[in-house]
Amino acid sequence: MTTLLKNIKELLQIRPAGIQKISGSEMAELPSIENAYLLIEDDLIADFGPMSNCPPDVQTTIDATGKIVLPTWCDSHTHIVYAGNREQEFVDRINGLTYEQIAQRGGGILNSAAKLNETSEEDIYQQSRIRLEEVMRLGTGAVEIKSGYGLTVDGELKMLRVIKRLAKNYPVAIKATFLGPHAFPTTFRDDHNGYIDLMIDEMLPKIANEKLADYIDVFCEKGYFSVEQTERIMEAGKSFGLQSKIHVNQFNSIGGVASAVRHKALSIDHLEVMTPEDITVLQGSDTMPVALPSCSFFLSIPYTPAREIINAGLPLAIATDFNPGSTPSGNMNLVVATACIKMKMTPEEAINAATLNGAYAMGIADTHGSITVGKKANLIITKPLSSYYQLPYSFGSNLLDTVIIGGREI
């Protein structure tokens, strides 16, 4: 199947092959072609360039006059496989309770774990399918999905099997992350080493046997997993071929950033609280910092200091953190806008962070995240716009006209 997009007002994020991520001052640059065409063959980008070189119309030709075309969003941090919701906790926070206080009285992650373990795998799949279809319509063409609401052998495996089934049934690229170390379950409240042993001795071998995960994650934070515990889990994951992606510095800086870098984590996510030492240790590493601006928006906590990170010459990705407790939204368009409005990222920086750098944070930069010949034909076609600045500026409007994933309109 061949599809031609022609008369594109501006084709964004055009890159030569081989570029894996964008760092520092280069994040302010967003290469583009005005009055462009793009040719799709099957599920890949076959060619693109100025309209002066446009090939003849093919059977499927899309006139994109007045419209912007860019790669679909790469959402490198989500928890969209879950059961039920936590609407009551939303109201509890409005009434003055903090995220930590809600967790201490059995809410938060433990609340979601209780619901998930009571719900059948088929029901969880059907709930999660609806969320995945929604984010695809909102322009997401690649998504990482974590477990972590099971906190039991059966519960974690059930989540990961649902993720595997979603990956099989949908054209969107999906990466699975084992997040058993999301919290300590009630049955191991006074036996933290016992739960870590359970994950290492029982969960990880079964996950590896069924090939259910690409990565391993740990919530490294006060009241959750210490740096020492996180290191033990990262080492165990490594022995099963799972690279780390670590939740760190959401509420406190406790040394988790340096630890993750030492263990060559692919990404470190949240980073709402960063010290100068945390930023320094990232310099020269291959670890991608990932900000979750809509989590800060929803919880009314500080935003990741994007300017300090970028000005230090580092890359930055942005993602949704879609989950029932702290970010019940998978709208990457809102994430891009919030990064601009609240984190003072330029539109160019935010789009780079949500596309190519997001792909890097998922380990798929070779195939996703930019307009590059040979990469997946995952594209957003906007409605007619004055410029791409309108994407974050008109933050409350749906400016997407068409989403193409794997060369086909969804």
Protein backbone atom coordinates (compact mmCIF):
# COMPACT_ATOMS: atom_id res chain seq x y z
CA MET A 1 0.00 0.00 0.00
CA THR A 2 1.34 3.43 -0.99
CA THR A 3 0.11 6.73 0.43
CA LEU A 4 1.19 10.22 -0.60
CA LEU A 5 0.78 13.28 1.60
CA LYS A 6 1.17 16.44 -0.44
CA ASN A 7 0.97 20.23 -0.01
CA ILE A 8 2.03 19.88 3.63
CA LYS A 9 2.30 23.36 5.11
CA GLU A 10 5.26 22.27 7.25
CA LEU A 11 6.81 18.84 7.79
CA LEU A 12 8.39 18.78 11.25
CA GLN A 13 11.17 16.77 12.90
CA ILE A 14 12.98 15.67 9.76
CA ARG A 15 16.20 13.89 10.70
CA PRO A 16 18.87 11.81 8.98
CA ALA A 17 19.19 8.21 10.09
CA GLY A 18 21.30 7.51 13.15
CA ILE A 19 20.30 10.39 15.42
CA GLN A 20 19.22 8.82 18.71
CA LYS A 21 18.48 11.83 20.92
CA ILE A 22 18.62 15.63 21.07
CA SER A 23 20.52 17.36 23.89
CA GLY A 24 21.13 20.81 25.32
CA SER A 25 20.91 23.80 23.01
CA GLU A 26 20.13 21.53 20.03
CA MET A 27 16.74 20.83 21.59
CA ALA A 28 15.72 24.33 20.49
CA GLU A 29 16.16 23.28 16.86
CA LEU A 30 13.33 21.50 15.02
CA PRO A 31 14.31 20.80 11.40
CA SER A 32 11.44 21.13 8.96
CA ILE A 33 10.45 21.57 5.31
CA GLU A 34 7.75 24.02 4.25
CA ASN A 35 5.41 23.11 1.38
CA ALA A 36 6.40 19.48 1.53
CA TYR A 37 5.34 15.98 0.55
CA LEU A 38 5.79 12.62 2.28
CA LEU A 39 5.51 9.18 0.69
CA ILE A 40 4.54 6.07 2.65
CA GLU A 41 5.08 2.54 1.39
CA ASP A 42 3.38 -0.12 3.48
CA ASP A 43 4.21 0.86 7.10
CA LEU A 44 7.40 2.86 6.46
CA ILE A 45 8.39 6.38 5.43
CA ALA A 46 9.73 5.94 1.90
CA ASP A 47 10.55 9.52 0.90
CA PHE A 48 9.87 13.17 1.67
CA GLY A 49 10.96 16.57 0.45
CA PRO A 50 9.76 19.87 -1.02
CA MET A 51 6.71 19.88 -3.28
CA SER A 52 8.94 20.82 -6.22
CA ASN A 53 10.14 17.17 -6.10
CA CYS A 54 6.76 15.61 -5.35
CA PRO A 55 6.05 12.35 -7.21
CA PRO A 56 2.75 11.85 -9.09
CA ASP A 57 -0.43 11.11 -7.16
CA VAL A 58 -0.96 7.52 -6.08
CA GLN A 59 -4.17 5.67 -5.31
CA THR A 60 -4.24 7.03 -1.75
CA THR A 61 -3.30 10.71 -1.82
CA ILE A 62 -3.97 13.06 1.08
CA ASP A 63 -4.01 16.81 0.47
CA ALA A 64 -2.53 18.42 3.60
CA THR A 65 -2.91 22.04 2.49
CA GLY A 66 -2.58 24.33 5.50
CA LYS A 67 -1.73 21.42 7.81
CA ILE A 68 1.34 20.51 9.85
CA VAL A 69 2.69 16.94 9.74
CA LEU A 70 4.95 15.55 12.48
CA PRO A 71 5.82 12.16 13.99
CA THR A 72 3.35 10.69 16.45
CA TRP A 73 4.11 11.14 20.13
CA CYS A 74 6.31 8.60 21.91
CA ASP A 75 4.97 8.26 25.46
CA SER A 76 7.76 6.58 27.39
CA HIS A 77 6.11 6.37 30.83
CA THR A 78 2.58 5.08 31.46
CA HIS A 79 0.64 2.78 33.78
CA ILE A 80 -2.47 2.43 31.63
CA VAL A 81 -3.12 -1.20 32.52
CA TYR A 82 -5.12 -0.94 35.73
CA ALA A 83 -8.54 -1.69 37.18
CA GLY A 84 -11.17 0.82 38.26
CA ASN A 85 -10.20 4.36 39.28
CA ARG A 86 -9.22 6.47 42.29
CA GLU A 87 -11.73 9.28 41.99
CA GLN A 88 -12.29 9.42 45.77
CA GLU A 89 -8.60 10.11 46.34
CA PHE A 90 -8.86 13.02 43.91
CA VAL A 91 -11.51 14.53 46.17
CA ASP A 92 -9.46 13.67 49.27
CA ARG A 93 -6.58 15.75 47.91
CA ILE A 94 -8.93 18.65 47.20
CA ASN A 95 -9.94 18.38 50.85
CA GLY A 96 -6.35 18.72 51.99
CA LEU A 97 -4.79 15.26 52.17
CA THR A 98 -1.37 14.81 50.55
CA TYR A 99 -0.36 11.97 48.24
CA GLU A 100 1.75 10.54 51.08
CA GLN A 101 -1.09 10.77 53.62
CA ILE A 102 -3.47 8.96 51.27
CA ALA A 103 -0.87 6.22 50.77
CA GLN A 104 -0.30 5.85 54.53
CA ARG A 105 -3.97 5.03 55.11
CA GLY A 106 -4.12 2.31 52.45
CA GLY A 107 -4.84 4.44 49.42
CA GLY A 108 -2.63 5.12 46.46
CA ILE A 109 -0.81 2.21 44.87
CA LEU A 110 -2.14 -0.29 47.43
CA ASN A 111 -5.71 0.75 46.59
CA SER A 112 -5.09 0.08 42.89
CA ALA A 113 -3.41 -3.24 43.74
CA ALA A 114 -6.44 -4.41 45.72
CA LYS A 115 -8.76 -3.58 42.82
CA LEU A 116 -6.52 -5.21 40.23
CA ASN A 117 -6.17 -8.47 42.12
CA GLU A 118 -9.97 -8.67 42.40
CA THR A 119 -10.44 -8.13 38.64
CA SER A 120 -10.19 -10.76 35.92
CA GLU A 121 -7.50 -10.57 33.27
CA GLU A 122 -10.15 -10.22 30.56
CA ASP A 123 -11.81 -7.31 32.35
CA ILE A 124 -8.46 -5.58 32.82
CA TYR A 125 -7.71 -6.05 29.14
CA GLN A 126 -11.04 -4.53 28.10
CA GLN A 127 -10.56 -1.51 30.39
CA SER A 128 -6.99 -1.00 29.18
CA ARG A 129 -7.91 -1.43 25.51
CA ILE A 130 -10.24 1.55 25.74
CA ARG A 131 -7.47 3.71 27.21
CA LEU A 132 -4.97 2.61 24.56
CA GLU A 133 -7.39 3.40 21.73
CA GLU A 134 -7.98 6.83 23.24
CA VAL A 135 -4.29 7.76 23.37
CA MET A 136 -3.80 6.52 19.81
CA ARG A 137 -6.55 8.86 18.64
CA LEU A 138 -4.74 11.65 20.55
CA GLY A 139 -1.61 11.09 18.47
CA THR A 140 0.45 8.57 20.46
CA GLY A 141 2.18 6.04 18.20
CA ALA A 142 4.48 4.40 20.76
CA VAL A 143 3.86 3.77 24.44
CA GLU A 144 5.64 2.14 27.35
CA ILE A 145 3.32 0.41 29.83
CA LYS A 146 4.32 -0.64 33.33
CA SER A 147 3.01 -3.28 35.67
CA GLY A 148 3.12 -2.48 39.39
CA TYR A 149 -0.51 -2.63 40.50
CA GLY A 150 -0.39 -6.36 41.17
CA LEU A 151 2.26 -6.59 43.90
CA THR A 152 1.68 -10.37 43.91
CA VAL A 153 3.08 -13.03 41.62
CA ASP A 154 -0.29 -13.62 39.95
CA GLY A 155 -1.20 -9.93 39.81
CA GLU A 156 2.04 -8.81 38.20
CA LEU A 157 1.97 -11.62 35.65
CA LYS A 158 -1.65 -10.82 34.87
CA MET A 159 -0.77 -7.19 34.11
CA LEU A 160 2.20 -8.09 31.94
CA ARG A 161 0.12 -10.62 29.98
CA VAL A 162 -2.45 -7.91 29.29
CA ILE A 163 0.34 -5.61 28.03
CA LYS A 164 1.62 -8.40 25.77
CA ARG A 165 -1.88 -8.95 24.40
CA LEU A 166 -2.30 -5.23 23.68
CA ALA A 167 1.02 -5.22 21.85
CA LYS A 168 -0.12 -8.14 19.71
CA ASN A 169 -3.51 -6.66 18.84
CA TYR A 170 -2.65 -3.01 18.10
CA PRO A 171 -0.28 -1.37 15.58
CA VAL A 172 1.11 1.06 18.15
CA ALA A 173 4.63 0.19 19.39
CA ILE A 174 4.40 -1.05 23.00
CA LYS A 175 7.23 -1.67 25.45
CA ALA A 176 6.50 -3.55 28.70
CA THR A 177 8.15 -2.70 32.00
CA PHE A 178 8.05 -4.83 35.15
CA LEU A 179 7.35 -2.51 38.10
CA GLY A 180 6.75 -5.03 40.88
CA PRO A 181 8.85 -2.75 43.12
CA HIS A 182 6.18 -0.03 42.99
CA ALA A 183 5.31 -0.32 46.69
CA PHE A 184 5.51 -2.89 49.47
CA PRO A 185 2.24 -4.87 49.66
CA THR A 186 0.41 -5.02 52.98
CA THR A 187 1.43 -8.65 53.55
CA PHE A 188 5.10 -7.60 53.44
CA ARG A 189 4.75 -4.33 55.36
CA ASP A 190 7.23 -5.53 58.00
CA ASP A 191 9.26 -7.80 55.74
CA HIS A 192 10.67 -5.71 52.92
CA ASN A 193 13.45 -8.16 52.13
CA GLY A 194 10.85 -10.90 51.86
CA TYR A 195 9.01 -9.04 49.11
CA ILE A 196 12.23 -8.30 47.26
CA ASP A 197 13.13 -12.00 47.50
CA LEU A 198 9.69 -12.87 46.10
CA MET A 199 10.24 -10.63 43.08
CA ILE A 200 13.74 -11.92 42.43
CA ASP A 201 13.13 -15.61 43.11
CA GLU A 202 9.59 -16.05 41.72
CA MET A 203 8.41 -13.11 39.61
CA LEU A 204 11.49 -12.45 37.50
CA PRO A 205 12.08 -16.07 36.42
CA LYS A 206 8.45 -16.41 35.29
CA ILE A 207 8.54 -13.06 33.51
CA ALA A 208 11.71 -14.08 31.71
CA ASN A 209 10.31 -17.49 30.81
CA GLU A 210 7.22 -15.95 29.17
CA LYS A 211 9.16 -12.99 27.71
CA LEU A 212 6.74 -10.56 29.32
CA ALA A 213 8.96 -7.53 29.93
CA ASP A 214 11.52 -5.36 28.16
CA TYR A 215 12.58 -3.32 31.20
CA ILE A 216 12.53 -3.28 35.00
CA ASP A 217 11.52 -0.27 37.11
CA VAL A 218 11.70 0.65 40.80
CA PHE A 219 10.00 3.45 42.76
CA CYS A 220 13.12 4.78 44.49
CA GLU A 221 11.74 7.20 47.08
CA LYS A 222 11.42 7.76 50.82
CA GLY A 223 8.72 5.43 52.15
CA TYR A 224 9.05 3.13 49.15
CA PHE A 225 12.35 1.57 47.98
CA SER A 226 15.70 2.78 49.28
CA VAL A 227 18.73 3.31 47.07
CA GLU A 228 20.26 0.09 48.38
CA GLN A 229 17.10 -1.90 47.67
CA THR A 230 16.82 -0.30 44.24
CA GLU A 231 20.38 -1.32 43.39
CA ARG A 232 19.70 -4.90 44.42
CA ILE A 233 16.63 -5.01 42.18
CA MET A 234 18.42 -3.37 39.24
CA GLU A 235 21.19 -5.98 39.49
CA ALA A 236 18.61 -8.78 39.59
CA GLY A 237 16.83 -7.35 36.56
CA LYS A 238 20.11 -7.14 34.69
CA SER A 239 20.70 -10.85 35.30
CA PHE A 240 17.41 -11.54 33.47
CA GLY A 241 18.29 -9.20 30.60
CA LEU A 242 16.13 -6.29 31.79
CA GLN A 243 17.62 -2.80 31.60
CA SER A 244 16.39 -0.34 34.22
CA LYS A 245 13.99 2.60 33.94
CA ILE A 246 13.74 4.17 37.40
CA HIS A 247 11.12 6.31 39.19
CA VAL A 248 13.26 8.75 41.14
CA ASN A 249 13.27 12.22 42.75
CA GLN A 250 9.50 12.65 42.73
CA PHE A 251 9.42 14.04 46.26
CA ASN A 252 13.02 13.78 47.55
CA SER A 253 16.57 13.53 46.22
CA ILE A 254 18.05 10.53 48.05
CA GLY A 255 20.87 9.48 45.72
CA GLY A 256 18.78 7.50 43.28
CA VAL A 257 19.90 9.47 40.22
CA ALA A 258 23.58 8.64 40.75
CA SER A 259 22.71 5.02 41.44
CA ALA A 260 20.64 4.73 38.26
CA VAL A 261 23.41 6.26 36.18
CA ARG A 262 25.98 3.86 37.66
CA HIS A 263 23.73 0.96 36.70
CA LYS A 264 23.26 2.38 33.17
CA ALA A 265 19.52 2.91 33.45
CA LEU A 266 17.90 3.77 30.13
CA SER A 267 15.85 6.52 31.76
CA ILE A 268 15.17 8.19 35.09
CA ASP A 269 11.64 9.50 35.40
CA HIS A 270 9.84 12.18 37.46
CA LEU A 271 12.76 14.38 38.65
CA GLU A 272 10.50 16.99 40.20
CA VAL A 273 13.16 17.52 42.88
CA MET A 274 16.67 17.91 41.45
CA THR A 275 19.90 19.04 43.09
CA PRO A 276 22.91 20.46 41.25
CA GLU A 277 24.67 17.18 42.07
CA ASP A 278 21.89 15.18 40.38
CA ILE A 279 22.27 17.23 37.21
CA THR A 280 26.06 16.96 37.24
CA VAL A 281 26.01 13.17 37.55
CA LEU A 282 23.82 12.92 34.43
CA GLN A 283 26.33 14.77 32.27
CA GLY A 284 28.20 12.38 30.04
CA SER A 285 25.83 9.50 30.74
CA ASP A 286 23.52 7.65 28.33
CA THR A 287 20.59 7.89 30.75
CA MET A 288 17.59 9.93 29.54
CA PRO A 289 15.93 12.28 32.06
CA VAL A 290 12.14 12.10 31.68
CA ALA A 291 9.74 14.74 33.01
CA LEU A 292 6.05 14.08 33.70
CA PRO A 293 4.48 17.55 33.65
CA SER A 294 0.83 16.50 33.82
CA CYS A 295 1.61 14.60 37.05
CA SER A 296 2.88 17.84 38.58
CA PHE A 297 -0.23 19.59 37.27
CA PHE A 298 -2.60 17.03 38.78
CA LEU A 299 -0.86 16.67 42.15
CA SER A 300 0.12 20.35 42.48
CA ILE A 301 3.75 19.41 43.13
CA PRO A 302 6.85 21.10 41.66
CA TYR A 303 7.64 20.69 37.98
CA THR A 304 10.84 19.09 36.74
CA PRO A 305 13.43 21.92 36.30
CA ALA A 306 13.63 21.61 32.52
CA ARG A 307 15.63 24.79 31.98
CA GLU A 308 18.39 23.71 34.37
CA ILE A 309 18.55 20.26 32.77
CA ILE A 310 18.66 21.53 29.18
CA ASN A 311 21.04 24.40 30.00
CA ALA A 312 23.42 21.81 31.46
CA GLY A 313 23.68 20.29 27.98
CA LEU A 314 21.45 17.32 28.79
CA PRO A 315 18.60 15.76 26.81
CA LEU A 316 15.07 15.67 28.19
CA ALA A 317 12.01 13.60 27.32
CA ILE A 318 8.45 14.22 28.43
CA ALA A 319 5.71 11.63 29.01
CA THR A 320 2.22 11.37 30.50
CA ASP A 321 2.58 9.05 33.53
CA PHE A 322 -0.99 7.95 32.66
CA ASN A 323 -2.24 6.19 35.82
CA PRO A 324 -5.33 6.16 38.04
CA GLY A 325 -3.85 8.04 40.99
CA SER A 326 -1.56 10.87 39.98
CA THR A 327 -2.23 11.40 36.25
CA PRO A 328 -5.50 9.96 34.90
CA SER A 329 -4.77 11.26 31.40
CA GLY A 330 -2.77 9.96 28.46
CA ASN A 331 -3.06 13.17 26.42
CA MET A 332 0.43 13.92 25.12
CA ASN A 333 -0.87 17.13 23.53
CA LEU A 334 -1.61 18.42 27.04
CA VAL A 335 1.84 17.26 28.18
CA VAL A 336 3.51 19.24 25.39
CA ALA A 337 1.47 22.33 26.24
CA THR A 338 2.11 21.99 29.98
CA ALA A 339 5.85 21.62 29.37
CA CYS A 340 5.77 24.94 27.52
CA ILE A 341 3.45 26.76 29.91
CA LYS A 342 4.76 25.54 33.27
CA MET A 343 8.31 24.32 32.57
CA LYS A 344 9.22 27.15 30.17
CA MET A 345 10.26 24.79 27.40
CA THR A 346 10.01 26.20 23.90
CA PRO A 347 7.64 24.47 21.47
CA GLU A 348 10.68 23.10 19.65
CA GLU A 349 12.12 21.66 22.87
CA ALA A 350 8.81 20.16 23.90
CA ILE A 351 8.22 18.50 20.52
CA ASN A 352 11.76 17.08 20.51
CA ALA A 353 11.16 15.80 24.05
CA ALA A 354 7.84 14.17 23.10
CA THR A 355 9.06 12.51 19.90
CA LEU A 356 12.70 11.50 19.34
CA ASN A 357 13.81 11.76 22.99
CA GLY A 358 10.71 9.85 24.04
CA ALA A 359 11.60 7.15 21.54
CA TYR A 360 15.12 6.96 22.98
CA ALA A 361 13.67 6.54 26.49
CA MET A 362 11.81 3.48 25.16
CA GLY A 363 14.76 2.06 23.23
CA ILE A 364 13.08 2.54 19.83
CA ALA A 365 14.84 5.61 18.40
CA ASP A 366 16.00 3.55 15.41
CA THR A 367 12.41 3.09 14.24
CA HIS A 368 10.32 5.89 15.80
CA GLY A 369 10.35 9.52 16.84
CA SER A 370 11.34 11.40 13.68
CA ILE A 371 10.58 11.86 10.00
CA THR A 372 13.35 9.66 8.65
CA VAL A 373 13.38 7.42 5.59
CA GLY A 374 12.97 3.82 6.74
CA LYS A 375 11.30 4.65 10.05
CA LYS A 376 7.74 3.68 10.88
CA ALA A 377 5.10 5.76 9.13
CA ASN A 378 3.57 7.02 12.37
CA LEU A 379 2.29 10.53 11.67
CA ILE A 380 0.11 13.29 13.07
CA ILE A 381 -1.68 15.46 10.52
CA THR A 382 -3.04 18.55 12.23
CA LYS A 383 -6.02 20.65 11.31
CA PRO A 384 -5.10 23.81 9.37
CA LEU A 385 -2.86 25.85 11.70
CA SER A 386 -1.16 29.23 11.60
CA SER A 387 2.03 27.53 12.85
CA TYR A 388 3.06 24.62 15.04
CA TYR A 389 3.26 27.08 17.94
CA GLN A 390 -0.52 26.76 18.01
CA LEU A 391 -0.19 23.18 19.34
CA PRO A 392 0.86 24.28 22.86
CA TYR A 393 -0.77 27.72 22.61
CA SER A 394 -4.31 26.44 22.02
CA PHE A 395 -3.88 23.88 24.80
CA GLY A 396 -7.58 23.18 25.27
CA SER A 397 -8.39 22.49 21.63
CA ASN A 398 -8.16 19.26 19.67
CA LEU A 399 -5.98 20.32 16.75
CA LEU A 400 -5.39 16.85 15.31
CA ASP A 401 -7.12 15.98 12.04
CA THR A 402 -5.69 12.53 11.24
CA VAL A 403 -3.42 10.03 12.99
CA ILE A 404 -1.53 7.48 10.89
CA ILE A 405 0.08 4.50 12.63
CA GLY A 406 1.95 1.87 10.68
CA GLY A 407 1.04 3.60 7.43
CA ARG A 408 -2.72 3.45 8.04
CA GLU A 409 -5.22 5.95 9.34
CA ILE A 410 -6.63 4.85 12.67
